[in-house]
């Protein structure tokens, strides 16, 4: 095949990736490890924080990685960072990611879209430096709380996990694990 044909095919193959990357707009979200941390920020009252955390816990039960064996979960997320959910093991979230309330979006001339949904986020044993969604999408620096910036595709509900994995997705290659922050009232471990 001629070189010019190879170049054209390569460019054509990359076009969908370029279009997808351009359509993924930045959006701000809120990250909190505890209810107290959420309520002490200016975005939510304690009652509103409890509602959003309950939504995130509901998402966790549907979308967190599920493992048949504790050792597989701990291999991805670290020792004492997984819980037994009766015949399956799931990682414990490091924090929860919440949307910025619409009232604050208007106040701040914020036009970042709906801001996604409330959901758990995790840190991996191999990459404690970043938070990740249930679909292993990087959403911010671990340890960071309050307002973070990410992309709209990462704020959508992760895929529903109906089967267990024997390891992978969040392993050393993919990097994402779970722990639940200490200090203040925690929610959902």
N, C-alpha and C. Protein backbone atom coordinates (compact mmCIF):
# COMPACT_ATOMS: atom_id res chain seq x y z
N UNK A 1 0.85 -1.17 0.00
CA UNK A 1 0.00 0.00 0.00
C UNK A 1 0.89 1.23 0.00
N UNK A 2 0.47 2.24 -0.72
CA UNK A 2 1.25 3.47 -0.80
C UNK A 2 1.22 4.21 0.53
N UNK A 3 2.28 4.95 0.75
CA UNK A 3 2.42 5.71 1.99
C UNK A 3 1.27 6.71 2.16
N UNK A 4 0.88 7.40 1.09
CA UNK A 4 -0.20 8.40 1.19
C UNK A 4 -1.52 7.75 1.58
N UNK A 5 -1.77 6.52 1.12
CA UNK A 5 -2.98 5.80 1.49
C UNK A 5 -2.97 5.45 2.98
N UNK A 6 -1.80 5.02 3.46
CA UNK A 6 -1.66 4.68 4.88
C UNK A 6 -1.93 5.91 5.75
N UNK A 7 -1.40 7.04 5.35
CA UNK A 7 -1.60 8.27 6.12
C UNK A 7 -3.08 8.64 6.14
N UNK A 8 -3.75 8.56 4.98
CA UNK A 8 -5.17 8.90 4.91
C UNK A 8 -5.99 7.97 5.81
N UNK A 9 -5.69 6.67 5.76
CA UNK A 9 -6.42 5.72 6.60
C UNK A 9 -6.17 5.99 8.08
N UNK A 10 -4.96 6.31 8.42
CA UNK A 10 -4.64 6.63 9.81
C UNK A 10 -5.41 7.85 10.27
N UNK A 11 -5.43 8.89 9.47
CA UNK A 11 -6.15 10.12 9.82
C UNK A 11 -7.64 9.84 9.94
N UNK A 12 -8.19 9.07 9.02
CA UNK A 12 -9.61 8.73 9.07
C UNK A 12 -9.93 7.94 10.33
N UNK A 13 -9.04 7.06 10.73
CA UNK A 13 -9.24 6.25 11.93
C UNK A 13 -9.20 7.08 13.20
N UNK A 14 -8.44 8.14 13.21
CA UNK A 14 -8.31 8.99 14.39
C UNK A 14 -9.42 10.03 14.50
N UNK A 15 -10.12 10.31 13.43
CA UNK A 15 -11.15 11.34 13.43
C UNK A 15 -12.21 11.16 14.50
N UNK A 16 -12.78 9.96 14.67
CA UNK A 16 -13.79 9.80 15.73
C UNK A 16 -13.24 10.09 17.12
N UNK A 17 -11.98 9.72 17.36
CA UNK A 17 -11.37 10.01 18.66
C UNK A 17 -11.24 11.51 18.88
N UNK A 18 -10.85 12.23 17.87
CA UNK A 18 -10.71 13.68 17.98
C UNK A 18 -12.06 14.34 18.23
N UNK A 19 -13.08 13.89 17.54
CA UNK A 19 -14.42 14.46 17.73
C UNK A 19 -14.95 14.18 19.13
N UNK A 20 -14.71 12.97 19.63
CA UNK A 20 -15.15 12.61 20.98
C UNK A 20 -14.44 13.48 22.01
N UNK A 21 -13.14 13.67 21.85
CA UNK A 21 -12.38 14.47 22.81
C UNK A 21 -12.85 15.91 22.83
N UNK A 22 -13.20 16.45 21.67
CA UNK A 22 -13.66 17.84 21.60
C UNK A 22 -15.03 18.03 22.22
N UNK A 23 -15.88 17.01 22.19
CA UNK A 23 -17.23 17.15 22.71
C UNK A 23 -17.30 16.92 24.21
N UNK A 24 -16.24 16.47 24.84
CA UNK A 24 -16.22 16.20 26.26
C UNK A 24 -15.84 17.47 27.02
N UNK A 25 -16.84 18.24 27.37
CA UNK A 25 -16.62 19.55 27.99
C UNK A 25 -16.19 19.44 29.45
N UNK A 26 -15.42 20.40 29.93
CA UNK A 26 -15.06 20.40 31.34
C UNK A 26 -16.26 20.74 32.21
N UNK A 27 -16.31 20.17 33.38
CA UNK A 27 -17.39 20.43 34.32
C UNK A 27 -16.81 20.39 35.73
N UNK A 28 -17.35 21.20 36.60
CA UNK A 28 -16.91 21.18 38.00
C UNK A 28 -17.85 20.31 38.82
N UNK A 29 -17.27 19.59 39.76
CA UNK A 29 -18.01 18.73 40.68
C UNK A 29 -17.48 19.01 42.08
N UNK A 30 -18.13 18.43 43.08
CA UNK A 30 -17.71 18.57 44.46
C UNK A 30 -17.32 17.21 45.00
N UNK A 31 -16.23 17.15 45.76
CA UNK A 31 -15.76 15.90 46.35
C UNK A 31 -15.67 16.07 47.85
N UNK A 32 -16.29 15.12 48.57
CA UNK A 32 -16.25 15.13 50.04
C UNK A 32 -16.04 13.73 50.56
N UNK A 33 -15.29 13.63 51.66
CA UNK A 33 -15.05 12.35 52.30
C UNK A 33 -16.09 12.07 53.38
N UNK A 34 -16.64 13.11 53.99
CA UNK A 34 -17.59 12.93 55.08
C UNK A 34 -18.77 13.88 54.92
N UNK A 35 -19.85 13.56 55.63
CA UNK A 35 -21.01 14.45 55.64
C UNK A 35 -20.66 15.80 56.25
N UNK A 36 -19.88 15.79 57.32
CA UNK A 36 -19.49 17.06 57.96
C UNK A 36 -18.69 17.94 57.00
N UNK A 37 -17.81 17.35 56.26
CA UNK A 37 -17.02 18.09 55.28
C UNK A 37 -17.94 18.72 54.23
N UNK A 38 -18.93 17.95 53.79
CA UNK A 38 -19.89 18.46 52.81
C UNK A 38 -20.69 19.62 53.39
N UNK A 39 -21.22 19.45 54.59
CA UNK A 39 -22.07 20.48 55.20
C UNK A 39 -21.29 21.73 55.57
N UNK A 40 -19.98 21.60 55.82
CA UNK A 40 -19.20 22.78 56.19
C UNK A 40 -18.84 23.64 54.98
N UNK A 41 -18.99 23.10 53.77
CA UNK A 41 -18.76 23.87 52.56
C UNK A 41 -20.02 24.69 52.28
N UNK A 42 -19.95 25.60 51.37
CA UNK A 42 -21.07 26.53 51.14
C UNK A 42 -22.14 26.01 50.19
N UNK A 43 -21.95 24.85 49.61
CA UNK A 43 -22.84 24.39 48.57
C UNK A 43 -24.10 23.67 49.08
N UNK A 44 -23.97 22.88 50.13
CA UNK A 44 -25.08 22.07 50.62
C UNK A 44 -25.28 22.24 52.12
N UNK A 45 -26.54 22.14 52.57
CA UNK A 45 -26.83 22.05 54.01
C UNK A 45 -26.62 20.60 54.42
N UNK A 46 -26.66 20.30 55.71
CA UNK A 46 -26.48 18.93 56.19
C UNK A 46 -27.58 18.03 55.59
N UNK A 47 -28.82 18.50 55.58
CA UNK A 47 -29.90 17.69 55.01
C UNK A 47 -29.67 17.40 53.53
N UNK A 48 -29.23 18.41 52.79
CA UNK A 48 -28.96 18.21 51.36
C UNK A 48 -27.78 17.26 51.15
N UNK A 49 -26.76 17.39 52.01
CA UNK A 49 -25.61 16.47 51.92
C UNK A 49 -26.06 15.04 52.14
N UNK A 50 -26.92 14.82 53.14
CA UNK A 50 -27.40 13.47 53.41
C UNK A 50 -28.16 12.90 52.21
N UNK A 51 -28.97 13.72 51.57
CA UNK A 51 -29.71 13.28 50.38
C UNK A 51 -28.75 12.90 49.26
N UNK A 52 -27.76 13.75 48.99
CA UNK A 52 -26.80 13.48 47.91
C UNK A 52 -25.93 12.27 48.22
N UNK A 53 -25.53 12.10 49.49
CA UNK A 53 -24.71 10.95 49.86
C UNK A 53 -25.53 9.67 49.71
N UNK A 54 -26.82 9.71 50.05
CA UNK A 54 -27.68 8.53 49.88
C UNK A 54 -27.79 8.16 48.40
N UNK A 55 -27.88 9.16 47.54
CA UNK A 55 -27.90 8.89 46.09
C UNK A 55 -26.59 8.22 45.67
N UNK A 56 -25.48 8.71 46.20
CA UNK A 56 -24.17 8.15 45.85
C UNK A 56 -24.03 6.72 46.36
N UNK A 57 -24.54 6.44 47.55
CA UNK A 57 -24.48 5.09 48.09
C UNK A 57 -25.34 4.15 47.24
N UNK A 58 -26.48 4.63 46.79
CA UNK A 58 -27.33 3.83 45.91
C UNK A 58 -26.59 3.49 44.62
N UNK A 59 -25.89 4.47 44.06
CA UNK A 59 -25.07 4.24 42.87
C UNK A 59 -23.97 3.22 43.18
N UNK A 60 -23.40 3.31 44.35
CA UNK A 60 -22.31 2.41 44.74
C UNK A 60 -22.77 0.96 44.68
N UNK A 61 -23.96 0.70 45.19
CA UNK A 61 -24.44 -0.68 45.22
C UNK A 61 -24.65 -1.24 43.81
N UNK A 62 -24.94 -0.37 42.85
CA UNK A 62 -25.16 -0.81 41.47
C UNK A 62 -23.87 -0.83 40.65
N UNK A 63 -22.98 0.13 40.90
CA UNK A 63 -21.88 0.36 39.96
C UNK A 63 -20.48 0.07 40.47
N UNK A 64 -20.32 -0.28 41.74
CA UNK A 64 -18.96 -0.54 42.23
C UNK A 64 -18.45 -1.87 41.67
N UNK A 65 -17.14 -1.98 41.51
CA UNK A 65 -16.58 -3.26 41.06
C UNK A 65 -16.93 -4.35 42.07
N UNK A 66 -17.25 -5.53 41.59
CA UNK A 66 -17.65 -6.65 42.44
C UNK A 66 -16.67 -7.81 42.23
N UNK A 67 -16.26 -8.40 43.35
CA UNK A 67 -15.27 -9.48 43.31
C UNK A 67 -15.82 -10.70 44.03
N UNK A 68 -15.49 -11.87 43.51
CA UNK A 68 -15.90 -13.11 44.15
C UNK A 68 -15.04 -13.40 45.38
N UNK A 69 -13.77 -12.98 45.31
CA UNK A 69 -12.84 -13.28 46.40
C UNK A 69 -12.28 -12.00 47.01
N UNK A 70 -12.18 -11.99 48.33
CA UNK A 70 -11.62 -10.85 49.05
C UNK A 70 -10.20 -10.56 48.57
N UNK A 71 -9.42 -11.59 48.34
CA UNK A 71 -8.02 -11.39 47.92
C UNK A 71 -7.94 -10.64 46.59
N UNK A 72 -8.86 -10.89 45.67
CA UNK A 72 -8.86 -10.17 44.39
C UNK A 72 -9.19 -8.70 44.60
N UNK A 73 -10.18 -8.43 45.43
CA UNK A 73 -10.55 -7.03 45.71
C UNK A 73 -9.39 -6.30 46.39
N UNK A 74 -8.79 -6.95 47.40
CA UNK A 74 -7.68 -6.32 48.11
C UNK A 74 -6.45 -6.17 47.21
N UNK A 75 -6.30 -7.04 46.26
CA UNK A 75 -5.19 -6.93 45.32
C UNK A 75 -5.32 -5.64 44.50
N UNK A 76 -6.54 -5.27 44.16
CA UNK A 76 -6.78 -4.03 43.41
C UNK A 76 -6.85 -2.80 44.30
N UNK A 77 -7.47 -2.93 45.48
CA UNK A 77 -7.76 -1.74 46.30
C UNK A 77 -6.97 -1.63 47.58
N UNK A 78 -6.30 -2.68 48.00
CA UNK A 78 -5.50 -2.62 49.22
C UNK A 78 -6.14 -3.35 50.38
N UNK A 79 -5.29 -3.72 51.32
CA UNK A 79 -5.73 -4.46 52.51
C UNK A 79 -6.71 -3.62 53.32
N UNK A 80 -7.76 -4.27 53.80
CA UNK A 80 -8.81 -3.64 54.63
C UNK A 80 -9.54 -2.52 53.90
N UNK A 81 -9.61 -2.58 52.59
CA UNK A 81 -10.30 -1.56 51.81
C UNK A 81 -11.47 -2.15 51.02
N UNK A 82 -11.89 -3.35 51.41
CA UNK A 82 -13.01 -4.01 50.75
C UNK A 82 -13.98 -4.52 51.81
N UNK A 83 -15.25 -4.62 51.44
CA UNK A 83 -16.27 -5.11 52.37
C UNK A 83 -16.99 -6.30 51.76
N UNK A 84 -17.43 -7.19 52.65
CA UNK A 84 -18.19 -8.37 52.26
C UNK A 84 -19.65 -7.96 52.12
N UNK A 85 -20.20 -8.18 50.96
CA UNK A 85 -21.60 -7.86 50.69
C UNK A 85 -22.39 -9.13 50.49
N UNK A 86 -21.98 -10.21 51.12
CA UNK A 86 -22.69 -11.48 51.00
C UNK A 86 -22.46 -12.10 49.64
N UNK A 87 -21.51 -12.95 49.51
CA UNK A 87 -21.12 -13.66 48.29
C UNK A 87 -20.32 -12.78 47.31
N UNK A 88 -20.16 -11.51 47.58
CA UNK A 88 -19.31 -10.64 46.76
C UNK A 88 -18.57 -9.67 47.67
N UNK A 89 -17.48 -9.14 47.15
CA UNK A 89 -16.70 -8.12 47.85
C UNK A 89 -16.65 -6.88 46.97
N UNK A 90 -16.79 -5.72 47.61
CA UNK A 90 -16.71 -4.46 46.87
C UNK A 90 -15.75 -3.52 47.59
N UNK A 91 -15.10 -2.62 46.85
CA UNK A 91 -14.19 -1.66 47.48
C UNK A 91 -14.98 -0.61 48.28
N UNK A 92 -14.34 -0.07 49.26
CA UNK A 92 -14.92 1.00 50.06
C UNK A 92 -14.53 2.32 49.39
N UNK A 93 -15.49 3.21 49.14
CA UNK A 93 -15.16 4.49 48.48
C UNK A 93 -14.19 5.33 49.30
N UNK A 94 -13.36 6.08 48.60
CA UNK A 94 -12.47 7.05 49.24
C UNK A 94 -13.23 8.32 49.57
N UNK A 95 -14.19 8.64 48.71
CA UNK A 95 -14.99 9.87 48.86
C UNK A 95 -16.21 9.75 47.96
N UNK A 96 -17.01 10.78 47.98
CA UNK A 96 -18.17 10.85 47.09
C UNK A 96 -18.10 12.12 46.26
N UNK A 97 -18.47 11.99 44.99
CA UNK A 97 -18.47 13.13 44.08
C UNK A 97 -19.92 13.56 43.87
N UNK A 98 -20.18 14.84 44.10
CA UNK A 98 -21.53 15.39 44.00
C UNK A 98 -21.58 16.52 42.98
N UNK A 99 -22.73 16.72 42.36
CA UNK A 99 -22.85 17.85 41.43
C UNK A 99 -22.96 19.17 42.19
N UNK A 100 -22.58 20.25 41.56
CA UNK A 100 -22.78 21.57 42.14
C UNK A 100 -24.27 21.89 42.01
N UNK A 101 -24.92 22.30 43.11
CA UNK A 101 -26.36 22.59 43.02
C UNK A 101 -26.65 23.68 41.98
N UNK A 102 -27.79 23.56 41.31
CA UNK A 102 -28.15 24.53 40.27
C UNK A 102 -28.17 25.96 40.80
N UNK A 103 -28.58 26.16 42.03
CA UNK A 103 -28.62 27.52 42.58
C UNK A 103 -27.23 28.15 42.59
N UNK A 104 -26.22 27.37 42.88
CA UNK A 104 -24.84 27.88 42.87
C UNK A 104 -24.30 28.02 41.47
N UNK A 105 -24.79 27.20 40.55
CA UNK A 105 -24.36 27.33 39.15
C UNK A 105 -24.76 28.69 38.61
N UNK A 106 -25.98 29.13 38.93
CA UNK A 106 -26.45 30.43 38.45
C UNK A 106 -25.70 31.57 39.14
N UNK A 107 -25.47 31.44 40.44
CA UNK A 107 -24.76 32.49 41.20
C UNK A 107 -23.36 32.74 40.65
N UNK A 108 -22.72 31.68 40.22
CA UNK A 108 -21.32 31.78 39.81
C UNK A 108 -21.16 31.87 38.29
N UNK A 109 -22.26 32.14 37.59
CA UNK A 109 -22.23 32.14 36.13
C UNK A 109 -21.58 30.88 35.60
N UNK A 110 -21.96 29.79 36.21
CA UNK A 110 -21.41 28.48 35.89
C UNK A 110 -22.30 27.83 34.84
N UNK A 111 -21.74 27.48 33.73
CA UNK A 111 -22.52 26.86 32.66
C UNK A 111 -21.93 25.51 32.28
N UNK A 112 -21.55 24.74 33.25
CA UNK A 112 -20.92 23.45 32.99
C UNK A 112 -21.89 22.31 32.81
N UNK A 113 -23.13 22.57 32.47
CA UNK A 113 -24.10 21.51 32.29
C UNK A 113 -24.68 21.07 33.61
N UNK A 114 -25.30 19.91 33.59
CA UNK A 114 -26.00 19.42 34.78
C UNK A 114 -25.04 19.02 35.89
N UNK A 115 -23.79 18.82 35.57
CA UNK A 115 -22.81 18.47 36.60
C UNK A 115 -22.79 17.01 36.95
N UNK A 116 -23.53 16.17 36.23
CA UNK A 116 -23.46 14.75 36.49
C UNK A 116 -24.28 14.32 37.69
N UNK A 117 -23.95 13.13 38.19
CA UNK A 117 -24.71 12.55 39.29
C UNK A 117 -23.82 12.33 40.50
N UNK A 118 -24.45 12.18 41.65
CA UNK A 118 -23.72 11.85 42.87
C UNK A 118 -23.28 10.40 42.77
N UNK A 119 -22.00 10.14 43.07
CA UNK A 119 -21.47 8.79 42.96
C UNK A 119 -20.23 8.61 43.81
N UNK A 120 -19.92 7.37 44.17
CA UNK A 120 -18.69 7.10 44.92
C UNK A 120 -17.48 7.20 44.02
N UNK A 121 -16.35 7.55 44.60
CA UNK A 121 -15.09 7.54 43.88
C UNK A 121 -14.06 6.78 44.72
N UNK A 122 -13.09 6.21 44.06
CA UNK A 122 -12.15 5.28 44.68
C UNK A 122 -10.71 5.70 44.42
N UNK A 123 -9.79 5.12 45.21
CA UNK A 123 -8.36 5.23 44.93
C UNK A 123 -7.80 3.82 44.86
N UNK A 124 -6.86 3.61 43.98
CA UNK A 124 -6.29 2.27 43.80
C UNK A 124 -5.05 2.08 44.67
N UNK A 125 -4.75 0.85 44.92
CA UNK A 125 -3.54 0.52 45.67
C UNK A 125 -2.30 0.98 44.92
N UNK A 126 -2.38 0.96 43.60
CA UNK A 126 -1.23 1.33 42.77
C UNK A 126 -1.20 2.81 42.40
N UNK A 127 -2.29 3.52 42.68
CA UNK A 127 -2.36 4.94 42.31
C UNK A 127 -3.19 5.70 43.33
N UNK A 128 -2.64 5.84 44.53
CA UNK A 128 -3.35 6.57 45.58
C UNK A 128 -3.45 8.06 45.27
N UNK A 129 -2.78 8.51 44.25
CA UNK A 129 -2.74 9.93 43.92
C UNK A 129 -3.96 10.46 43.20
N UNK A 130 -4.86 9.57 42.74
CA UNK A 130 -6.02 10.03 41.97
C UNK A 130 -7.30 9.34 42.40
N UNK A 131 -8.39 10.09 42.34
CA UNK A 131 -9.71 9.50 42.50
C UNK A 131 -10.14 8.94 41.16
N UNK A 132 -10.96 7.87 41.21
CA UNK A 132 -11.49 7.26 39.99
C UNK A 132 -12.94 6.85 40.23
N UNK A 133 -13.73 6.87 39.15
CA UNK A 133 -15.13 6.46 39.23
C UNK A 133 -15.22 4.94 39.22
N UNK A 134 -16.43 4.41 39.34
CA UNK A 134 -16.65 2.97 39.27
C UNK A 134 -16.26 2.37 37.94
N UNK A 135 -16.15 3.19 36.90
CA UNK A 135 -15.68 2.74 35.59
C UNK A 135 -14.20 3.04 35.39
N UNK A 136 -13.51 3.37 36.48
CA UNK A 136 -12.06 3.60 36.45
C UNK A 136 -11.68 4.85 35.65
N UNK A 137 -12.51 5.86 35.67
CA UNK A 137 -12.21 7.13 35.01
C UNK A 137 -11.61 8.10 36.03
N UNK A 138 -10.46 8.65 35.73
CA UNK A 138 -9.79 9.58 36.64
C UNK A 138 -10.60 10.87 36.76
N UNK A 139 -10.88 11.30 38.01
CA UNK A 139 -11.67 12.52 38.22
C UNK A 139 -11.01 13.56 39.11
N UNK A 140 -9.87 13.33 39.64
CA UNK A 140 -9.22 14.35 40.44
C UNK A 140 -8.12 13.77 41.31
N UNK A 141 -7.43 14.64 42.01
CA UNK A 141 -6.35 14.25 42.91
C UNK A 141 -6.94 13.70 44.19
N UNK A 142 -6.47 12.54 44.64
CA UNK A 142 -6.97 12.00 45.90
C UNK A 142 -6.52 12.91 47.04
N UNK A 143 -7.33 12.94 48.05
CA UNK A 143 -7.06 13.83 49.17
C UNK A 143 -7.66 15.20 48.97
N UNK A 144 -7.91 15.57 47.74
CA UNK A 144 -8.52 16.87 47.43
C UNK A 144 -10.00 16.81 47.78
N UNK A 145 -10.50 17.86 48.38
CA UNK A 145 -11.93 17.95 48.67
C UNK A 145 -12.44 19.29 48.20
N UNK A 146 -13.76 19.39 48.12
CA UNK A 146 -14.37 20.61 47.61
C UNK A 146 -14.50 20.53 46.11
N UNK A 147 -14.35 21.65 45.46
CA UNK A 147 -14.58 21.76 44.02
C UNK A 147 -13.42 21.19 43.21
N UNK A 148 -13.75 20.33 42.24
CA UNK A 148 -12.75 19.79 41.32
C UNK A 148 -13.27 19.99 39.90
N UNK A 149 -12.38 19.96 38.94
CA UNK A 149 -12.76 20.06 37.55
C UNK A 149 -12.45 18.74 36.86
N UNK A 150 -13.40 18.25 36.08
CA UNK A 150 -13.23 17.01 35.34
C UNK A 150 -13.98 17.15 34.02
N UNK A 151 -14.26 16.08 33.33
CA UNK A 151 -14.99 16.15 32.08
C UNK A 151 -16.38 15.55 32.24
N UNK A 152 -17.32 15.99 31.41
CA UNK A 152 -18.71 15.55 31.53
C UNK A 152 -18.85 14.04 31.41
N UNK A 153 -18.06 13.39 30.57
CA UNK A 153 -18.19 11.94 30.41
C UNK A 153 -17.85 11.20 31.70
N UNK A 154 -17.07 11.80 32.56
CA UNK A 154 -16.67 11.15 33.81
C UNK A 154 -17.64 11.42 34.96
N UNK A 155 -18.65 12.22 34.72
CA UNK A 155 -19.61 12.55 35.78
C UNK A 155 -20.92 11.82 35.60
N UNK A 156 -21.03 11.03 34.55
CA UNK A 156 -22.23 10.24 34.30
C UNK A 156 -22.20 9.00 35.19
N UNK A 157 -23.34 8.34 35.30
CA UNK A 157 -23.41 7.12 36.09
C UNK A 157 -22.51 6.05 35.49
N UNK A 158 -21.64 5.44 36.31
CA UNK A 158 -20.82 4.34 35.80
C UNK A 158 -21.71 3.18 35.37
N UNK A 159 -21.17 2.26 34.60
CA UNK A 159 -21.95 1.11 34.15
C UNK A 159 -22.33 0.25 35.35
N UNK A 160 -23.48 -0.41 35.23
CA UNK A 160 -23.95 -1.29 36.29
C UNK A 160 -23.12 -2.57 36.25
N UNK A 161 -22.62 -2.97 37.41
CA UNK A 161 -21.78 -4.17 37.51
C UNK A 161 -22.65 -5.31 38.04
N UNK A 162 -23.01 -6.23 37.18
CA UNK A 162 -23.86 -7.35 37.60
C UNK A 162 -23.08 -8.64 37.77
N UNK A 163 -21.83 -8.67 37.34
CA UNK A 163 -21.01 -9.87 37.48
C UNK A 163 -19.76 -9.54 38.27
N UNK A 164 -19.18 -10.58 38.85
CA UNK A 164 -17.94 -10.39 39.61
C UNK A 164 -16.75 -10.48 38.67
N UNK A 165 -15.66 -9.88 39.11
CA UNK A 165 -14.41 -9.97 38.36
C UNK A 165 -13.40 -10.70 39.21
N UNK A 166 -12.45 -11.36 38.58
CA UNK A 166 -11.44 -12.08 39.35
C UNK A 166 -10.21 -11.23 39.55
N UNK A 167 -10.17 -10.10 39.00
CA UNK A 167 -9.16 -9.07 39.16
C UNK A 167 -9.04 -8.39 37.83
N UNK A 168 -8.87 -7.12 37.88
CA UNK A 168 -8.72 -6.39 36.64
C UNK A 168 -9.64 -5.19 36.62
N UNK A 169 -9.39 -4.31 35.67
CA UNK A 169 -10.17 -3.10 35.61
C UNK A 169 -9.62 -2.05 36.55
N UNK A 170 -9.26 -2.44 37.76
CA UNK A 170 -8.71 -1.51 38.72
C UNK A 170 -7.34 -1.97 39.20
N UNK A 171 -6.71 -2.89 38.49
CA UNK A 171 -5.42 -3.42 38.90
C UNK A 171 -4.27 -2.49 38.62
N UNK A 172 -3.08 -3.01 38.67
CA UNK A 172 -1.89 -2.18 38.50
C UNK A 172 -1.84 -1.50 37.14
N UNK A 173 -2.45 -2.11 36.13
CA UNK A 173 -2.47 -1.48 34.82
C UNK A 173 -3.50 -0.37 34.75
N UNK A 174 -4.64 -0.56 35.40
CA UNK A 174 -5.72 0.41 35.27
C UNK A 174 -5.76 1.40 36.42
N UNK A 175 -5.32 1.02 37.58
CA UNK A 175 -5.20 1.90 38.74
C UNK A 175 -6.49 2.55 39.22
N UNK A 176 -7.11 1.98 40.22
CA UNK A 176 -8.20 2.60 40.96
C UNK A 176 -8.60 1.67 42.09
N UNK A 177 -8.66 2.16 43.29
CA UNK A 177 -8.97 1.35 44.45
C UNK A 177 -9.92 2.10 45.37
N UNK A 178 -10.22 1.56 46.55
CA UNK A 178 -11.17 2.22 47.43
C UNK A 178 -10.76 2.22 48.88
N UNK A 179 -11.03 3.31 49.52
CA UNK A 179 -10.93 3.45 50.96
C UNK A 179 -11.88 4.55 51.35
N UNK A 180 -12.25 4.60 52.57
CA UNK A 180 -13.18 5.63 53.00
C UNK A 180 -12.46 6.53 53.96
N UNK A 181 -12.52 7.80 53.73
CA UNK A 181 -11.77 8.78 54.52
C UNK A 181 -12.15 8.75 55.98
N UNK A 182 -11.25 9.14 56.82
CA UNK A 182 -11.52 9.22 58.24
C UNK A 182 -11.69 10.65 58.65
N UNK A 183 -12.20 10.85 59.80
CA UNK A 183 -12.42 12.19 60.29
C UNK A 183 -13.81 12.65 59.94
N UNK A 184 -14.54 13.17 60.90
CA UNK A 184 -15.91 13.60 60.64
C UNK A 184 -16.80 12.38 60.52
N UNK A 185 -18.08 12.64 60.30
CA UNK A 185 -19.02 11.53 60.15
C UNK A 185 -18.90 10.96 58.76
N UNK A 186 -18.64 9.69 58.68
CA UNK A 186 -18.55 9.05 57.36
C UNK A 186 -19.91 8.54 56.97
N UNK A 187 -20.05 8.22 55.73
CA UNK A 187 -21.33 7.77 55.23
C UNK A 187 -21.12 6.63 54.28
N UNK A 188 -21.71 5.53 54.50
CA UNK A 188 -21.74 4.43 53.55
C UNK A 188 -20.60 3.48 53.62
N UNK A 189 -19.76 3.15 54.40
CA UNK A 189 -18.69 2.21 54.19
C UNK A 189 -19.02 0.83 54.03
